[in-house]
Amino acid sequence: MKSLFSCAVSATIMLWATQSVAQDQFAEVKINVTPLNGSAFMLQGAGGNIGVSAGDDGVLIIDDQFAPLAPKISAALGKLATETPSYVINTHYHGDHTGSNAFFHDTKGATIFAHENVRIRLANDDSIDKAALPVVTFEDGIKIHFNGETLKVFHLANGHTDGDSVVWFEQANVLHTGDLFFNERFPYIDLGAGGTVDGYIKAVETLLTKIDDKTKIIPGHGPLANKADYENFLAMIKATKTWVGKQKAAALTVEQAIEKGLPEQYAKWNWNFITEEKWIKTLYQ
């Protein structure tokens, strides 16, 4: 009994410590708001960038970062229109884009929209609160008429994941790409969740045909962007993919390719989550 009690106490302490670390991790995070065009805004904090439509109809948000940041996100929305969003759109299932789903659904009454595969993946994760699950799902896309805008939400298959959606603010000429764009850095392609390099390239090519030089792009990660930034990103992916293909054709192992390293001009795309090493491994797979 003493042993069982000690184990229970230890487990409780570990859980408390983990939660405390998680809270401390986000304690200093500030939510920065950037006005775009019309009703469109971009919020940046920690995790995926948030798109916002704020106006007379209320608030709609695209992605919602990590759960501990939910009150800060809500407060930032209150300065635009209301702390209570009517709708949340998830661009995919990763926790840095869906972490505050339960808060906005349970506490604020928001309706959550996402591709069907987002709900499936979240529902199959026992650690996810049921309140975080999208309640409206789609296969190809939907249109939402809100704040004088037509928001076109459409699915692009097997790019970053198998459930990627992007959101186009038609009148404002603003595009939220989700993680189909990591501005100024190597992308994360979730190969274990239906993502593919070729599918990612195809998705970016498709999106580039839909925008113009005046389009403001909210990337999944990184600063606000434009079409030239997105074209530069695509060029990097294609060039590094070609480079890795040549190393494979020369019978180099992935370890040898990593040791050799990408050409110097691609060093600037390296970042703490997807390093050059991880990107080379992704391209090899």
Protein backbone atom coordinates (compact mmCIF):
# COMPACT_ATOMS: atom_id res chain seq x y z
CA MET A 1 0.00 0.00 0.00
CA LYS A 2 2.83 2.39 0.88
CA SER A 3 4.44 1.63 -2.47
CA LEU A 4 1.21 2.28 -4.35
CA PHE A 5 0.66 5.51 -2.43
CA SER A 6 4.21 6.67 -3.18
CA CYS A 7 3.73 5.93 -6.88
CA ALA A 8 0.46 7.85 -6.93
CA VAL A 9 2.05 10.84 -5.20
CA SER A 10 5.02 10.75 -7.58
CA ALA A 11 2.72 10.62 -10.60
CA THR A 12 0.71 13.58 -9.29
CA ILE A 13 3.86 15.61 -8.68
CA MET A 14 5.17 14.80 -12.17
CA LEU A 15 1.86 15.81 -13.76
CA TRP A 16 1.80 19.06 -11.78
CA ALA A 17 5.40 19.77 -12.70
CA THR A 18 4.72 19.10 -16.39
CA GLN A 19 1.70 21.40 -16.37
CA SER A 20 3.68 24.09 -14.52
CA VAL A 21 6.49 23.92 -17.07
CA ALA A 22 3.95 24.18 -19.88
CA GLN A 23 2.38 27.23 -18.29
CA ASP A 24 5.78 28.85 -17.63
CA GLN A 25 6.79 28.20 -21.22
CA PHE A 26 4.02 30.51 -22.44
CA ALA A 27 4.00 32.99 -19.55
CA GLU A 28 6.00 35.63 -21.45
CA VAL A 29 4.35 35.10 -24.83
CA LYS A 30 2.63 38.19 -26.21
CA ILE A 31 -0.08 38.10 -28.87
CA ASN A 32 0.80 40.60 -31.59
CA VAL A 33 -1.95 41.87 -33.90
CA THR A 34 -1.31 42.97 -37.49
CA PRO A 35 -4.16 44.62 -39.45
CA LEU A 36 -4.31 43.43 -43.07
CA ASN A 37 -7.13 44.39 -45.45
CA GLY A 38 -10.83 44.81 -44.69
CA SER A 39 -11.89 42.58 -41.81
CA ALA A 40 -8.69 40.51 -41.94
CA PHE A 41 -6.01 40.47 -39.24
CA MET A 42 -3.04 38.27 -38.32
CA LEU A 43 -2.23 37.26 -34.75
CA GLN A 44 1.21 35.97 -33.80
CA GLY A 45 2.21 34.43 -30.48
CA ALA A 46 3.68 30.93 -30.16
CA GLY A 47 2.79 28.20 -32.60
CA GLY A 48 0.93 28.64 -35.85
CA ASN A 49 -0.09 32.09 -37.01
CA ILE A 50 -3.76 32.93 -36.48
CA GLY A 51 -5.97 34.51 -39.13
CA VAL A 52 -8.91 36.63 -37.98
CA SER A 53 -12.04 38.09 -39.50
CA ALA A 54 -13.37 40.76 -37.13
CA GLY A 55 -16.30 43.09 -37.75
CA ASP A 56 -20.02 43.69 -37.30
CA ASP A 57 -20.82 39.97 -37.54
CA GLY A 58 -18.34 39.15 -34.79
CA VAL A 59 -15.12 37.17 -34.92
CA LEU A 60 -13.92 34.13 -36.86
CA ILE A 61 -10.44 32.73 -36.28
CA ILE A 62 -8.23 30.43 -38.32
CA ASP A 63 -6.21 28.18 -35.99
CA ASP A 64 -5.73 28.86 -32.28
CA GLN A 65 -2.18 27.92 -31.18
CA PHE A 66 -1.51 26.21 -27.80
CA ALA A 67 -4.07 25.74 -25.01
CA PRO A 68 -2.25 27.86 -22.37
CA LEU A 69 -2.43 30.84 -24.75
CA ALA A 70 -6.22 30.72 -25.16
CA PRO A 71 -7.00 33.51 -22.63
CA LYS A 72 -4.39 35.79 -24.22
CA ILE A 73 -5.75 35.10 -27.69
CA SER A 74 -9.27 35.79 -26.46
CA ALA A 75 -8.19 39.10 -24.91
CA ALA A 76 -6.50 40.15 -28.16
CA LEU A 77 -9.69 39.34 -30.09
CA GLY A 78 -11.66 41.48 -27.63
CA LYS A 79 -9.66 44.51 -28.72
CA LEU A 80 -10.74 43.89 -32.33
CA ALA A 81 -14.42 43.11 -31.77
CA THR A 82 -15.31 40.47 -29.17
CA GLU A 83 -13.47 37.91 -27.05
CA THR A 84 -16.01 35.30 -28.15
CA PRO A 85 -15.36 33.99 -31.67
CA SER A 86 -18.37 32.52 -33.46
CA TYR A 87 -16.25 30.19 -35.59
CA VAL A 88 -12.86 28.47 -35.53
CA ILE A 89 -11.34 26.96 -38.68
CA ASN A 90 -8.49 24.47 -38.27
CA THR A 91 -6.05 24.29 -41.18
CA HIS A 92 -4.85 20.86 -39.97
CA TYR A 93 -4.68 18.78 -36.79
CA HIS A 94 -1.33 19.69 -35.16
CA GLY A 95 -1.50 20.94 -31.57
CA ASP A 96 0.12 24.30 -32.23
CA HIS A 97 -2.86 25.07 -34.48
CA THR A 98 -5.68 23.31 -32.57
CA GLY A 99 -4.56 23.56 -28.93
CA SER A 100 -7.18 26.14 -27.90
CA ASN A 101 -10.10 24.42 -29.65
CA ALA A 102 -11.65 23.14 -26.43
CA PHE A 103 -11.40 26.55 -24.75
CA PHE A 104 -13.10 28.37 -27.60
CA HIS A 105 -15.76 25.68 -28.02
CA ASP A 106 -16.52 25.00 -24.35
CA THR A 107 -16.00 28.46 -22.87
CA LYS A 108 -16.85 30.68 -25.82
CA GLY A 109 -19.33 28.53 -27.74
CA ALA A 110 -17.43 28.62 -31.03
CA THR A 111 -18.29 26.21 -33.83
CA ILE A 112 -15.17 24.44 -35.12
CA PHE A 113 -14.73 23.68 -38.83
CA ALA A 114 -12.06 21.45 -40.42
CA HIS A 115 -11.39 18.83 -43.04
CA GLU A 116 -12.77 15.41 -42.14
CA ASN A 117 -9.28 13.98 -41.58
CA VAL A 118 -8.58 16.60 -38.91
CA ARG A 119 -11.51 15.34 -36.84
CA ILE A 120 -10.46 11.72 -37.39
CA ARG A 121 -6.89 12.34 -36.23
CA LEU A 122 -7.93 14.39 -33.18
CA ALA A 123 -10.62 11.84 -32.25
CA ASN A 124 -8.05 9.02 -32.33
CA ASP A 125 -5.83 10.82 -29.80
CA ASP A 126 -6.88 9.87 -26.27
CA SER A 127 -5.20 12.97 -24.85
CA ILE A 128 -7.49 15.29 -26.80
CA ASP A 129 -10.57 16.72 -25.07
CA LYS A 130 -13.73 15.82 -27.01
CA ALA A 131 -14.66 19.50 -26.91
CA ALA A 132 -11.67 20.13 -29.21
CA LEU A 133 -13.13 18.11 -32.07
CA PRO A 134 -14.41 19.94 -35.17
CA VAL A 135 -18.21 19.74 -35.32
CA VAL A 136 -18.53 20.71 -39.00
CA THR A 137 -16.30 18.81 -41.41
CA PHE A 138 -15.91 18.81 -45.17
CA GLU A 139 -14.12 16.93 -47.92
CA ASP A 140 -13.31 19.53 -50.58
CA GLY A 141 -14.23 22.85 -49.01
CA ILE A 142 -16.88 25.33 -47.93
CA LYS A 143 -17.69 29.04 -48.21
CA ILE A 144 -18.42 31.22 -45.20
CA HIS A 145 -20.07 34.62 -45.64
CA PHE A 146 -19.01 36.76 -42.70
CA ASN A 147 -18.19 40.43 -42.01
CA GLY A 148 -18.85 41.41 -45.60
CA GLU A 149 -16.34 38.80 -46.79
CA THR A 150 -16.56 35.56 -48.70
CA LEU A 151 -14.13 33.17 -47.06
CA LYS A 152 -13.30 30.24 -49.29
CA VAL A 153 -12.00 27.24 -47.36
CA PHE A 154 -10.58 24.49 -49.55
CA HIS A 155 -8.65 21.26 -49.10
CA LEU A 156 -5.31 20.41 -50.72
CA ALA A 157 -4.43 16.74 -50.53
CA ASN A 158 -1.33 15.12 -49.05
CA GLY A 159 0.89 18.15 -48.61
CA HIS A 160 1.78 19.02 -45.02
CA THR A 161 -0.69 16.35 -43.78
CA ASP A 162 -3.71 14.54 -45.23
CA GLY A 163 -6.10 17.16 -43.84
CA ASP A 164 -4.73 20.52 -44.98
CA SER A 165 -7.04 23.44 -45.70
CA VAL A 166 -6.33 27.01 -46.67
CA VAL A 167 -8.58 30.04 -46.23
CA TRP A 168 -8.95 32.74 -48.86
CA PHE A 169 -10.42 36.14 -47.91
CA GLU A 170 -11.83 36.95 -51.33
CA GLN A 171 -12.56 40.67 -50.95
CA ALA A 172 -9.55 41.44 -48.73
CA ASN A 173 -7.14 39.47 -50.98
CA VAL A 174 -5.64 37.65 -48.01
CA LEU A 175 -4.62 33.98 -47.96
CA HIS A 176 -4.02 31.86 -44.85
CA THR A 177 -1.97 28.87 -45.99
CA GLY A 178 -1.71 26.93 -42.75
CA ASP A 179 1.49 24.91 -42.75
CA LEU A 180 1.66 24.79 -46.53
CA PHE A 181 4.00 27.74 -46.06
CA PHE A 182 6.83 28.19 -43.56
CA ASN A 183 8.10 31.64 -44.47
CA GLU A 184 11.90 31.95 -44.42
CA ARG A 185 12.45 28.42 -43.10
CA PHE A 186 12.47 24.76 -44.11
CA PRO A 187 8.96 23.28 -43.95
CA TYR A 188 7.79 20.45 -41.76
CA ILE A 189 6.15 17.75 -43.86
CA ASP A 190 4.39 15.21 -41.65
CA LEU A 191 5.18 12.01 -43.56
CA GLY A 192 3.48 9.93 -40.87
CA ALA A 193 0.19 11.78 -41.29
CA GLY A 194 -0.25 11.66 -45.04
CA GLY A 195 2.11 14.50 -45.95
CA THR A 196 4.37 14.11 -49.00
CA VAL A 197 7.04 16.26 -50.59
CA ASP A 198 5.50 16.00 -54.06
CA GLY A 199 2.04 16.76 -52.67
CA TYR A 200 3.44 19.75 -50.80
CA ILE A 201 5.04 21.13 -53.97
CA LYS A 202 1.81 20.61 -55.92
CA ALA A 203 -0.21 22.41 -53.23
CA VAL A 204 2.12 25.43 -53.27
CA GLU A 205 2.05 25.54 -57.08
CA THR A 206 -1.76 25.46 -57.00
CA LEU A 207 -1.96 28.29 -54.49
CA LEU A 208 0.47 30.46 -56.44
CA THR A 209 -1.89 30.36 -59.43
CA LYS A 210 -4.68 31.80 -57.25
CA ILE A 211 -2.90 34.88 -55.90
CA ASP A 212 -1.35 38.07 -57.25
CA ASP A 213 1.41 40.47 -56.26
CA LYS A 214 -0.93 42.37 -53.93
CA THR A 215 -2.04 39.30 -51.97
CA LYS A 216 -1.12 39.30 -48.29
CA ILE A 217 -0.20 35.81 -47.13
CA ILE A 218 -0.51 34.57 -43.56
CA PRO A 219 1.93 31.64 -43.46
CA GLY A 220 1.59 28.83 -40.95
CA HIS A 221 4.87 30.03 -39.43
CA GLY A 222 7.06 33.06 -40.01
CA PRO A 223 6.36 36.71 -40.86
CA LEU A 224 3.59 38.06 -43.07
CA ALA A 225 4.42 37.33 -46.69
CA ASN A 226 3.62 38.10 -50.32
CA LYS A 227 3.66 36.16 -53.58
CA ALA A 228 7.38 36.72 -54.15
CA ASP A 229 8.15 35.22 -50.73
CA TYR A 230 6.02 32.18 -51.55
CA GLU A 231 7.73 31.74 -54.93
CA ASN A 232 11.12 31.93 -53.23
CA PHE A 233 9.99 29.27 -50.74
CA LEU A 234 8.89 26.95 -53.56
CA ALA A 235 12.15 27.50 -55.43
CA MET A 236 14.09 26.47 -52.31
CA ILE A 237 12.07 23.26 -51.94
CA LYS A 238 12.52 22.29 -55.57
CA ALA A 239 16.24 23.08 -55.59
CA THR A 240 17.01 21.17 -52.40
CA LYS A 241 14.89 18.24 -53.59
CA THR A 242 16.93 18.16 -56.81
CA TRP A 243 20.18 18.33 -54.81
CA VAL A 244 19.14 15.40 -52.61
CA GLY A 245 18.07 13.45 -55.68
CA LYS A 246 21.57 13.85 -57.12
CA GLN A 247 23.15 12.59 -53.90
CA LYS A 248 20.92 9.51 -53.94
CA ALA A 249 21.73 8.92 -57.61
CA ALA A 250 25.42 9.06 -56.67
CA ALA A 251 24.71 6.32 -54.09
CA LEU A 252 25.33 8.53 -51.05
CA THR A 253 23.60 7.41 -47.89
CA VAL A 254 21.44 9.89 -46.01
CA GLU A 255 24.19 10.16 -43.39
CA GLN A 256 26.76 11.00 -46.06
CA ALA A 257 24.46 13.61 -47.58
CA ILE A 258 23.93 15.20 -44.17
CA GLU A 259 27.69 15.29 -43.59
CA LYS A 260 28.18 16.90 -47.03
CA GLY A 261 25.42 19.43 -46.31
CA LEU A 262 23.22 21.48 -48.60
CA PRO A 263 24.77 24.26 -50.69
CA GLU A 264 25.62 27.31 -48.57
CA GLN A 265 22.80 29.51 -49.88
CA TYR A 266 20.24 27.31 -48.08
CA ALA A 267 21.78 27.67 -44.62
CA LYS A 268 19.51 30.65 -43.87
CA TRP A 269 16.43 28.39 -44.06
CA ASN A 270 17.65 26.34 -41.08
CA TRP A 271 15.71 26.74 -37.82
CA ASN A 272 15.35 25.04 -34.47
CA PHE A 273 12.47 22.69 -35.41
CA ILE A 274 13.39 21.72 -38.97
CA THR A 275 17.14 21.84 -39.18
CA GLU A 276 19.09 21.20 -42.37
CA GLU A 277 19.62 17.63 -41.17
CA LYS A 278 15.89 17.02 -40.68
CA TRP A 279 15.07 18.57 -44.04
CA ILE A 280 17.59 16.35 -45.85
CA LYS A 281 16.08 13.30 -44.10
CA THR A 282 12.60 14.35 -45.18
CA LEU A 283 13.71 14.72 -48.79
CA TYR A 284 15.44 11.33 -48.69
CA GLN A 285 12.24 9.67 -47.53
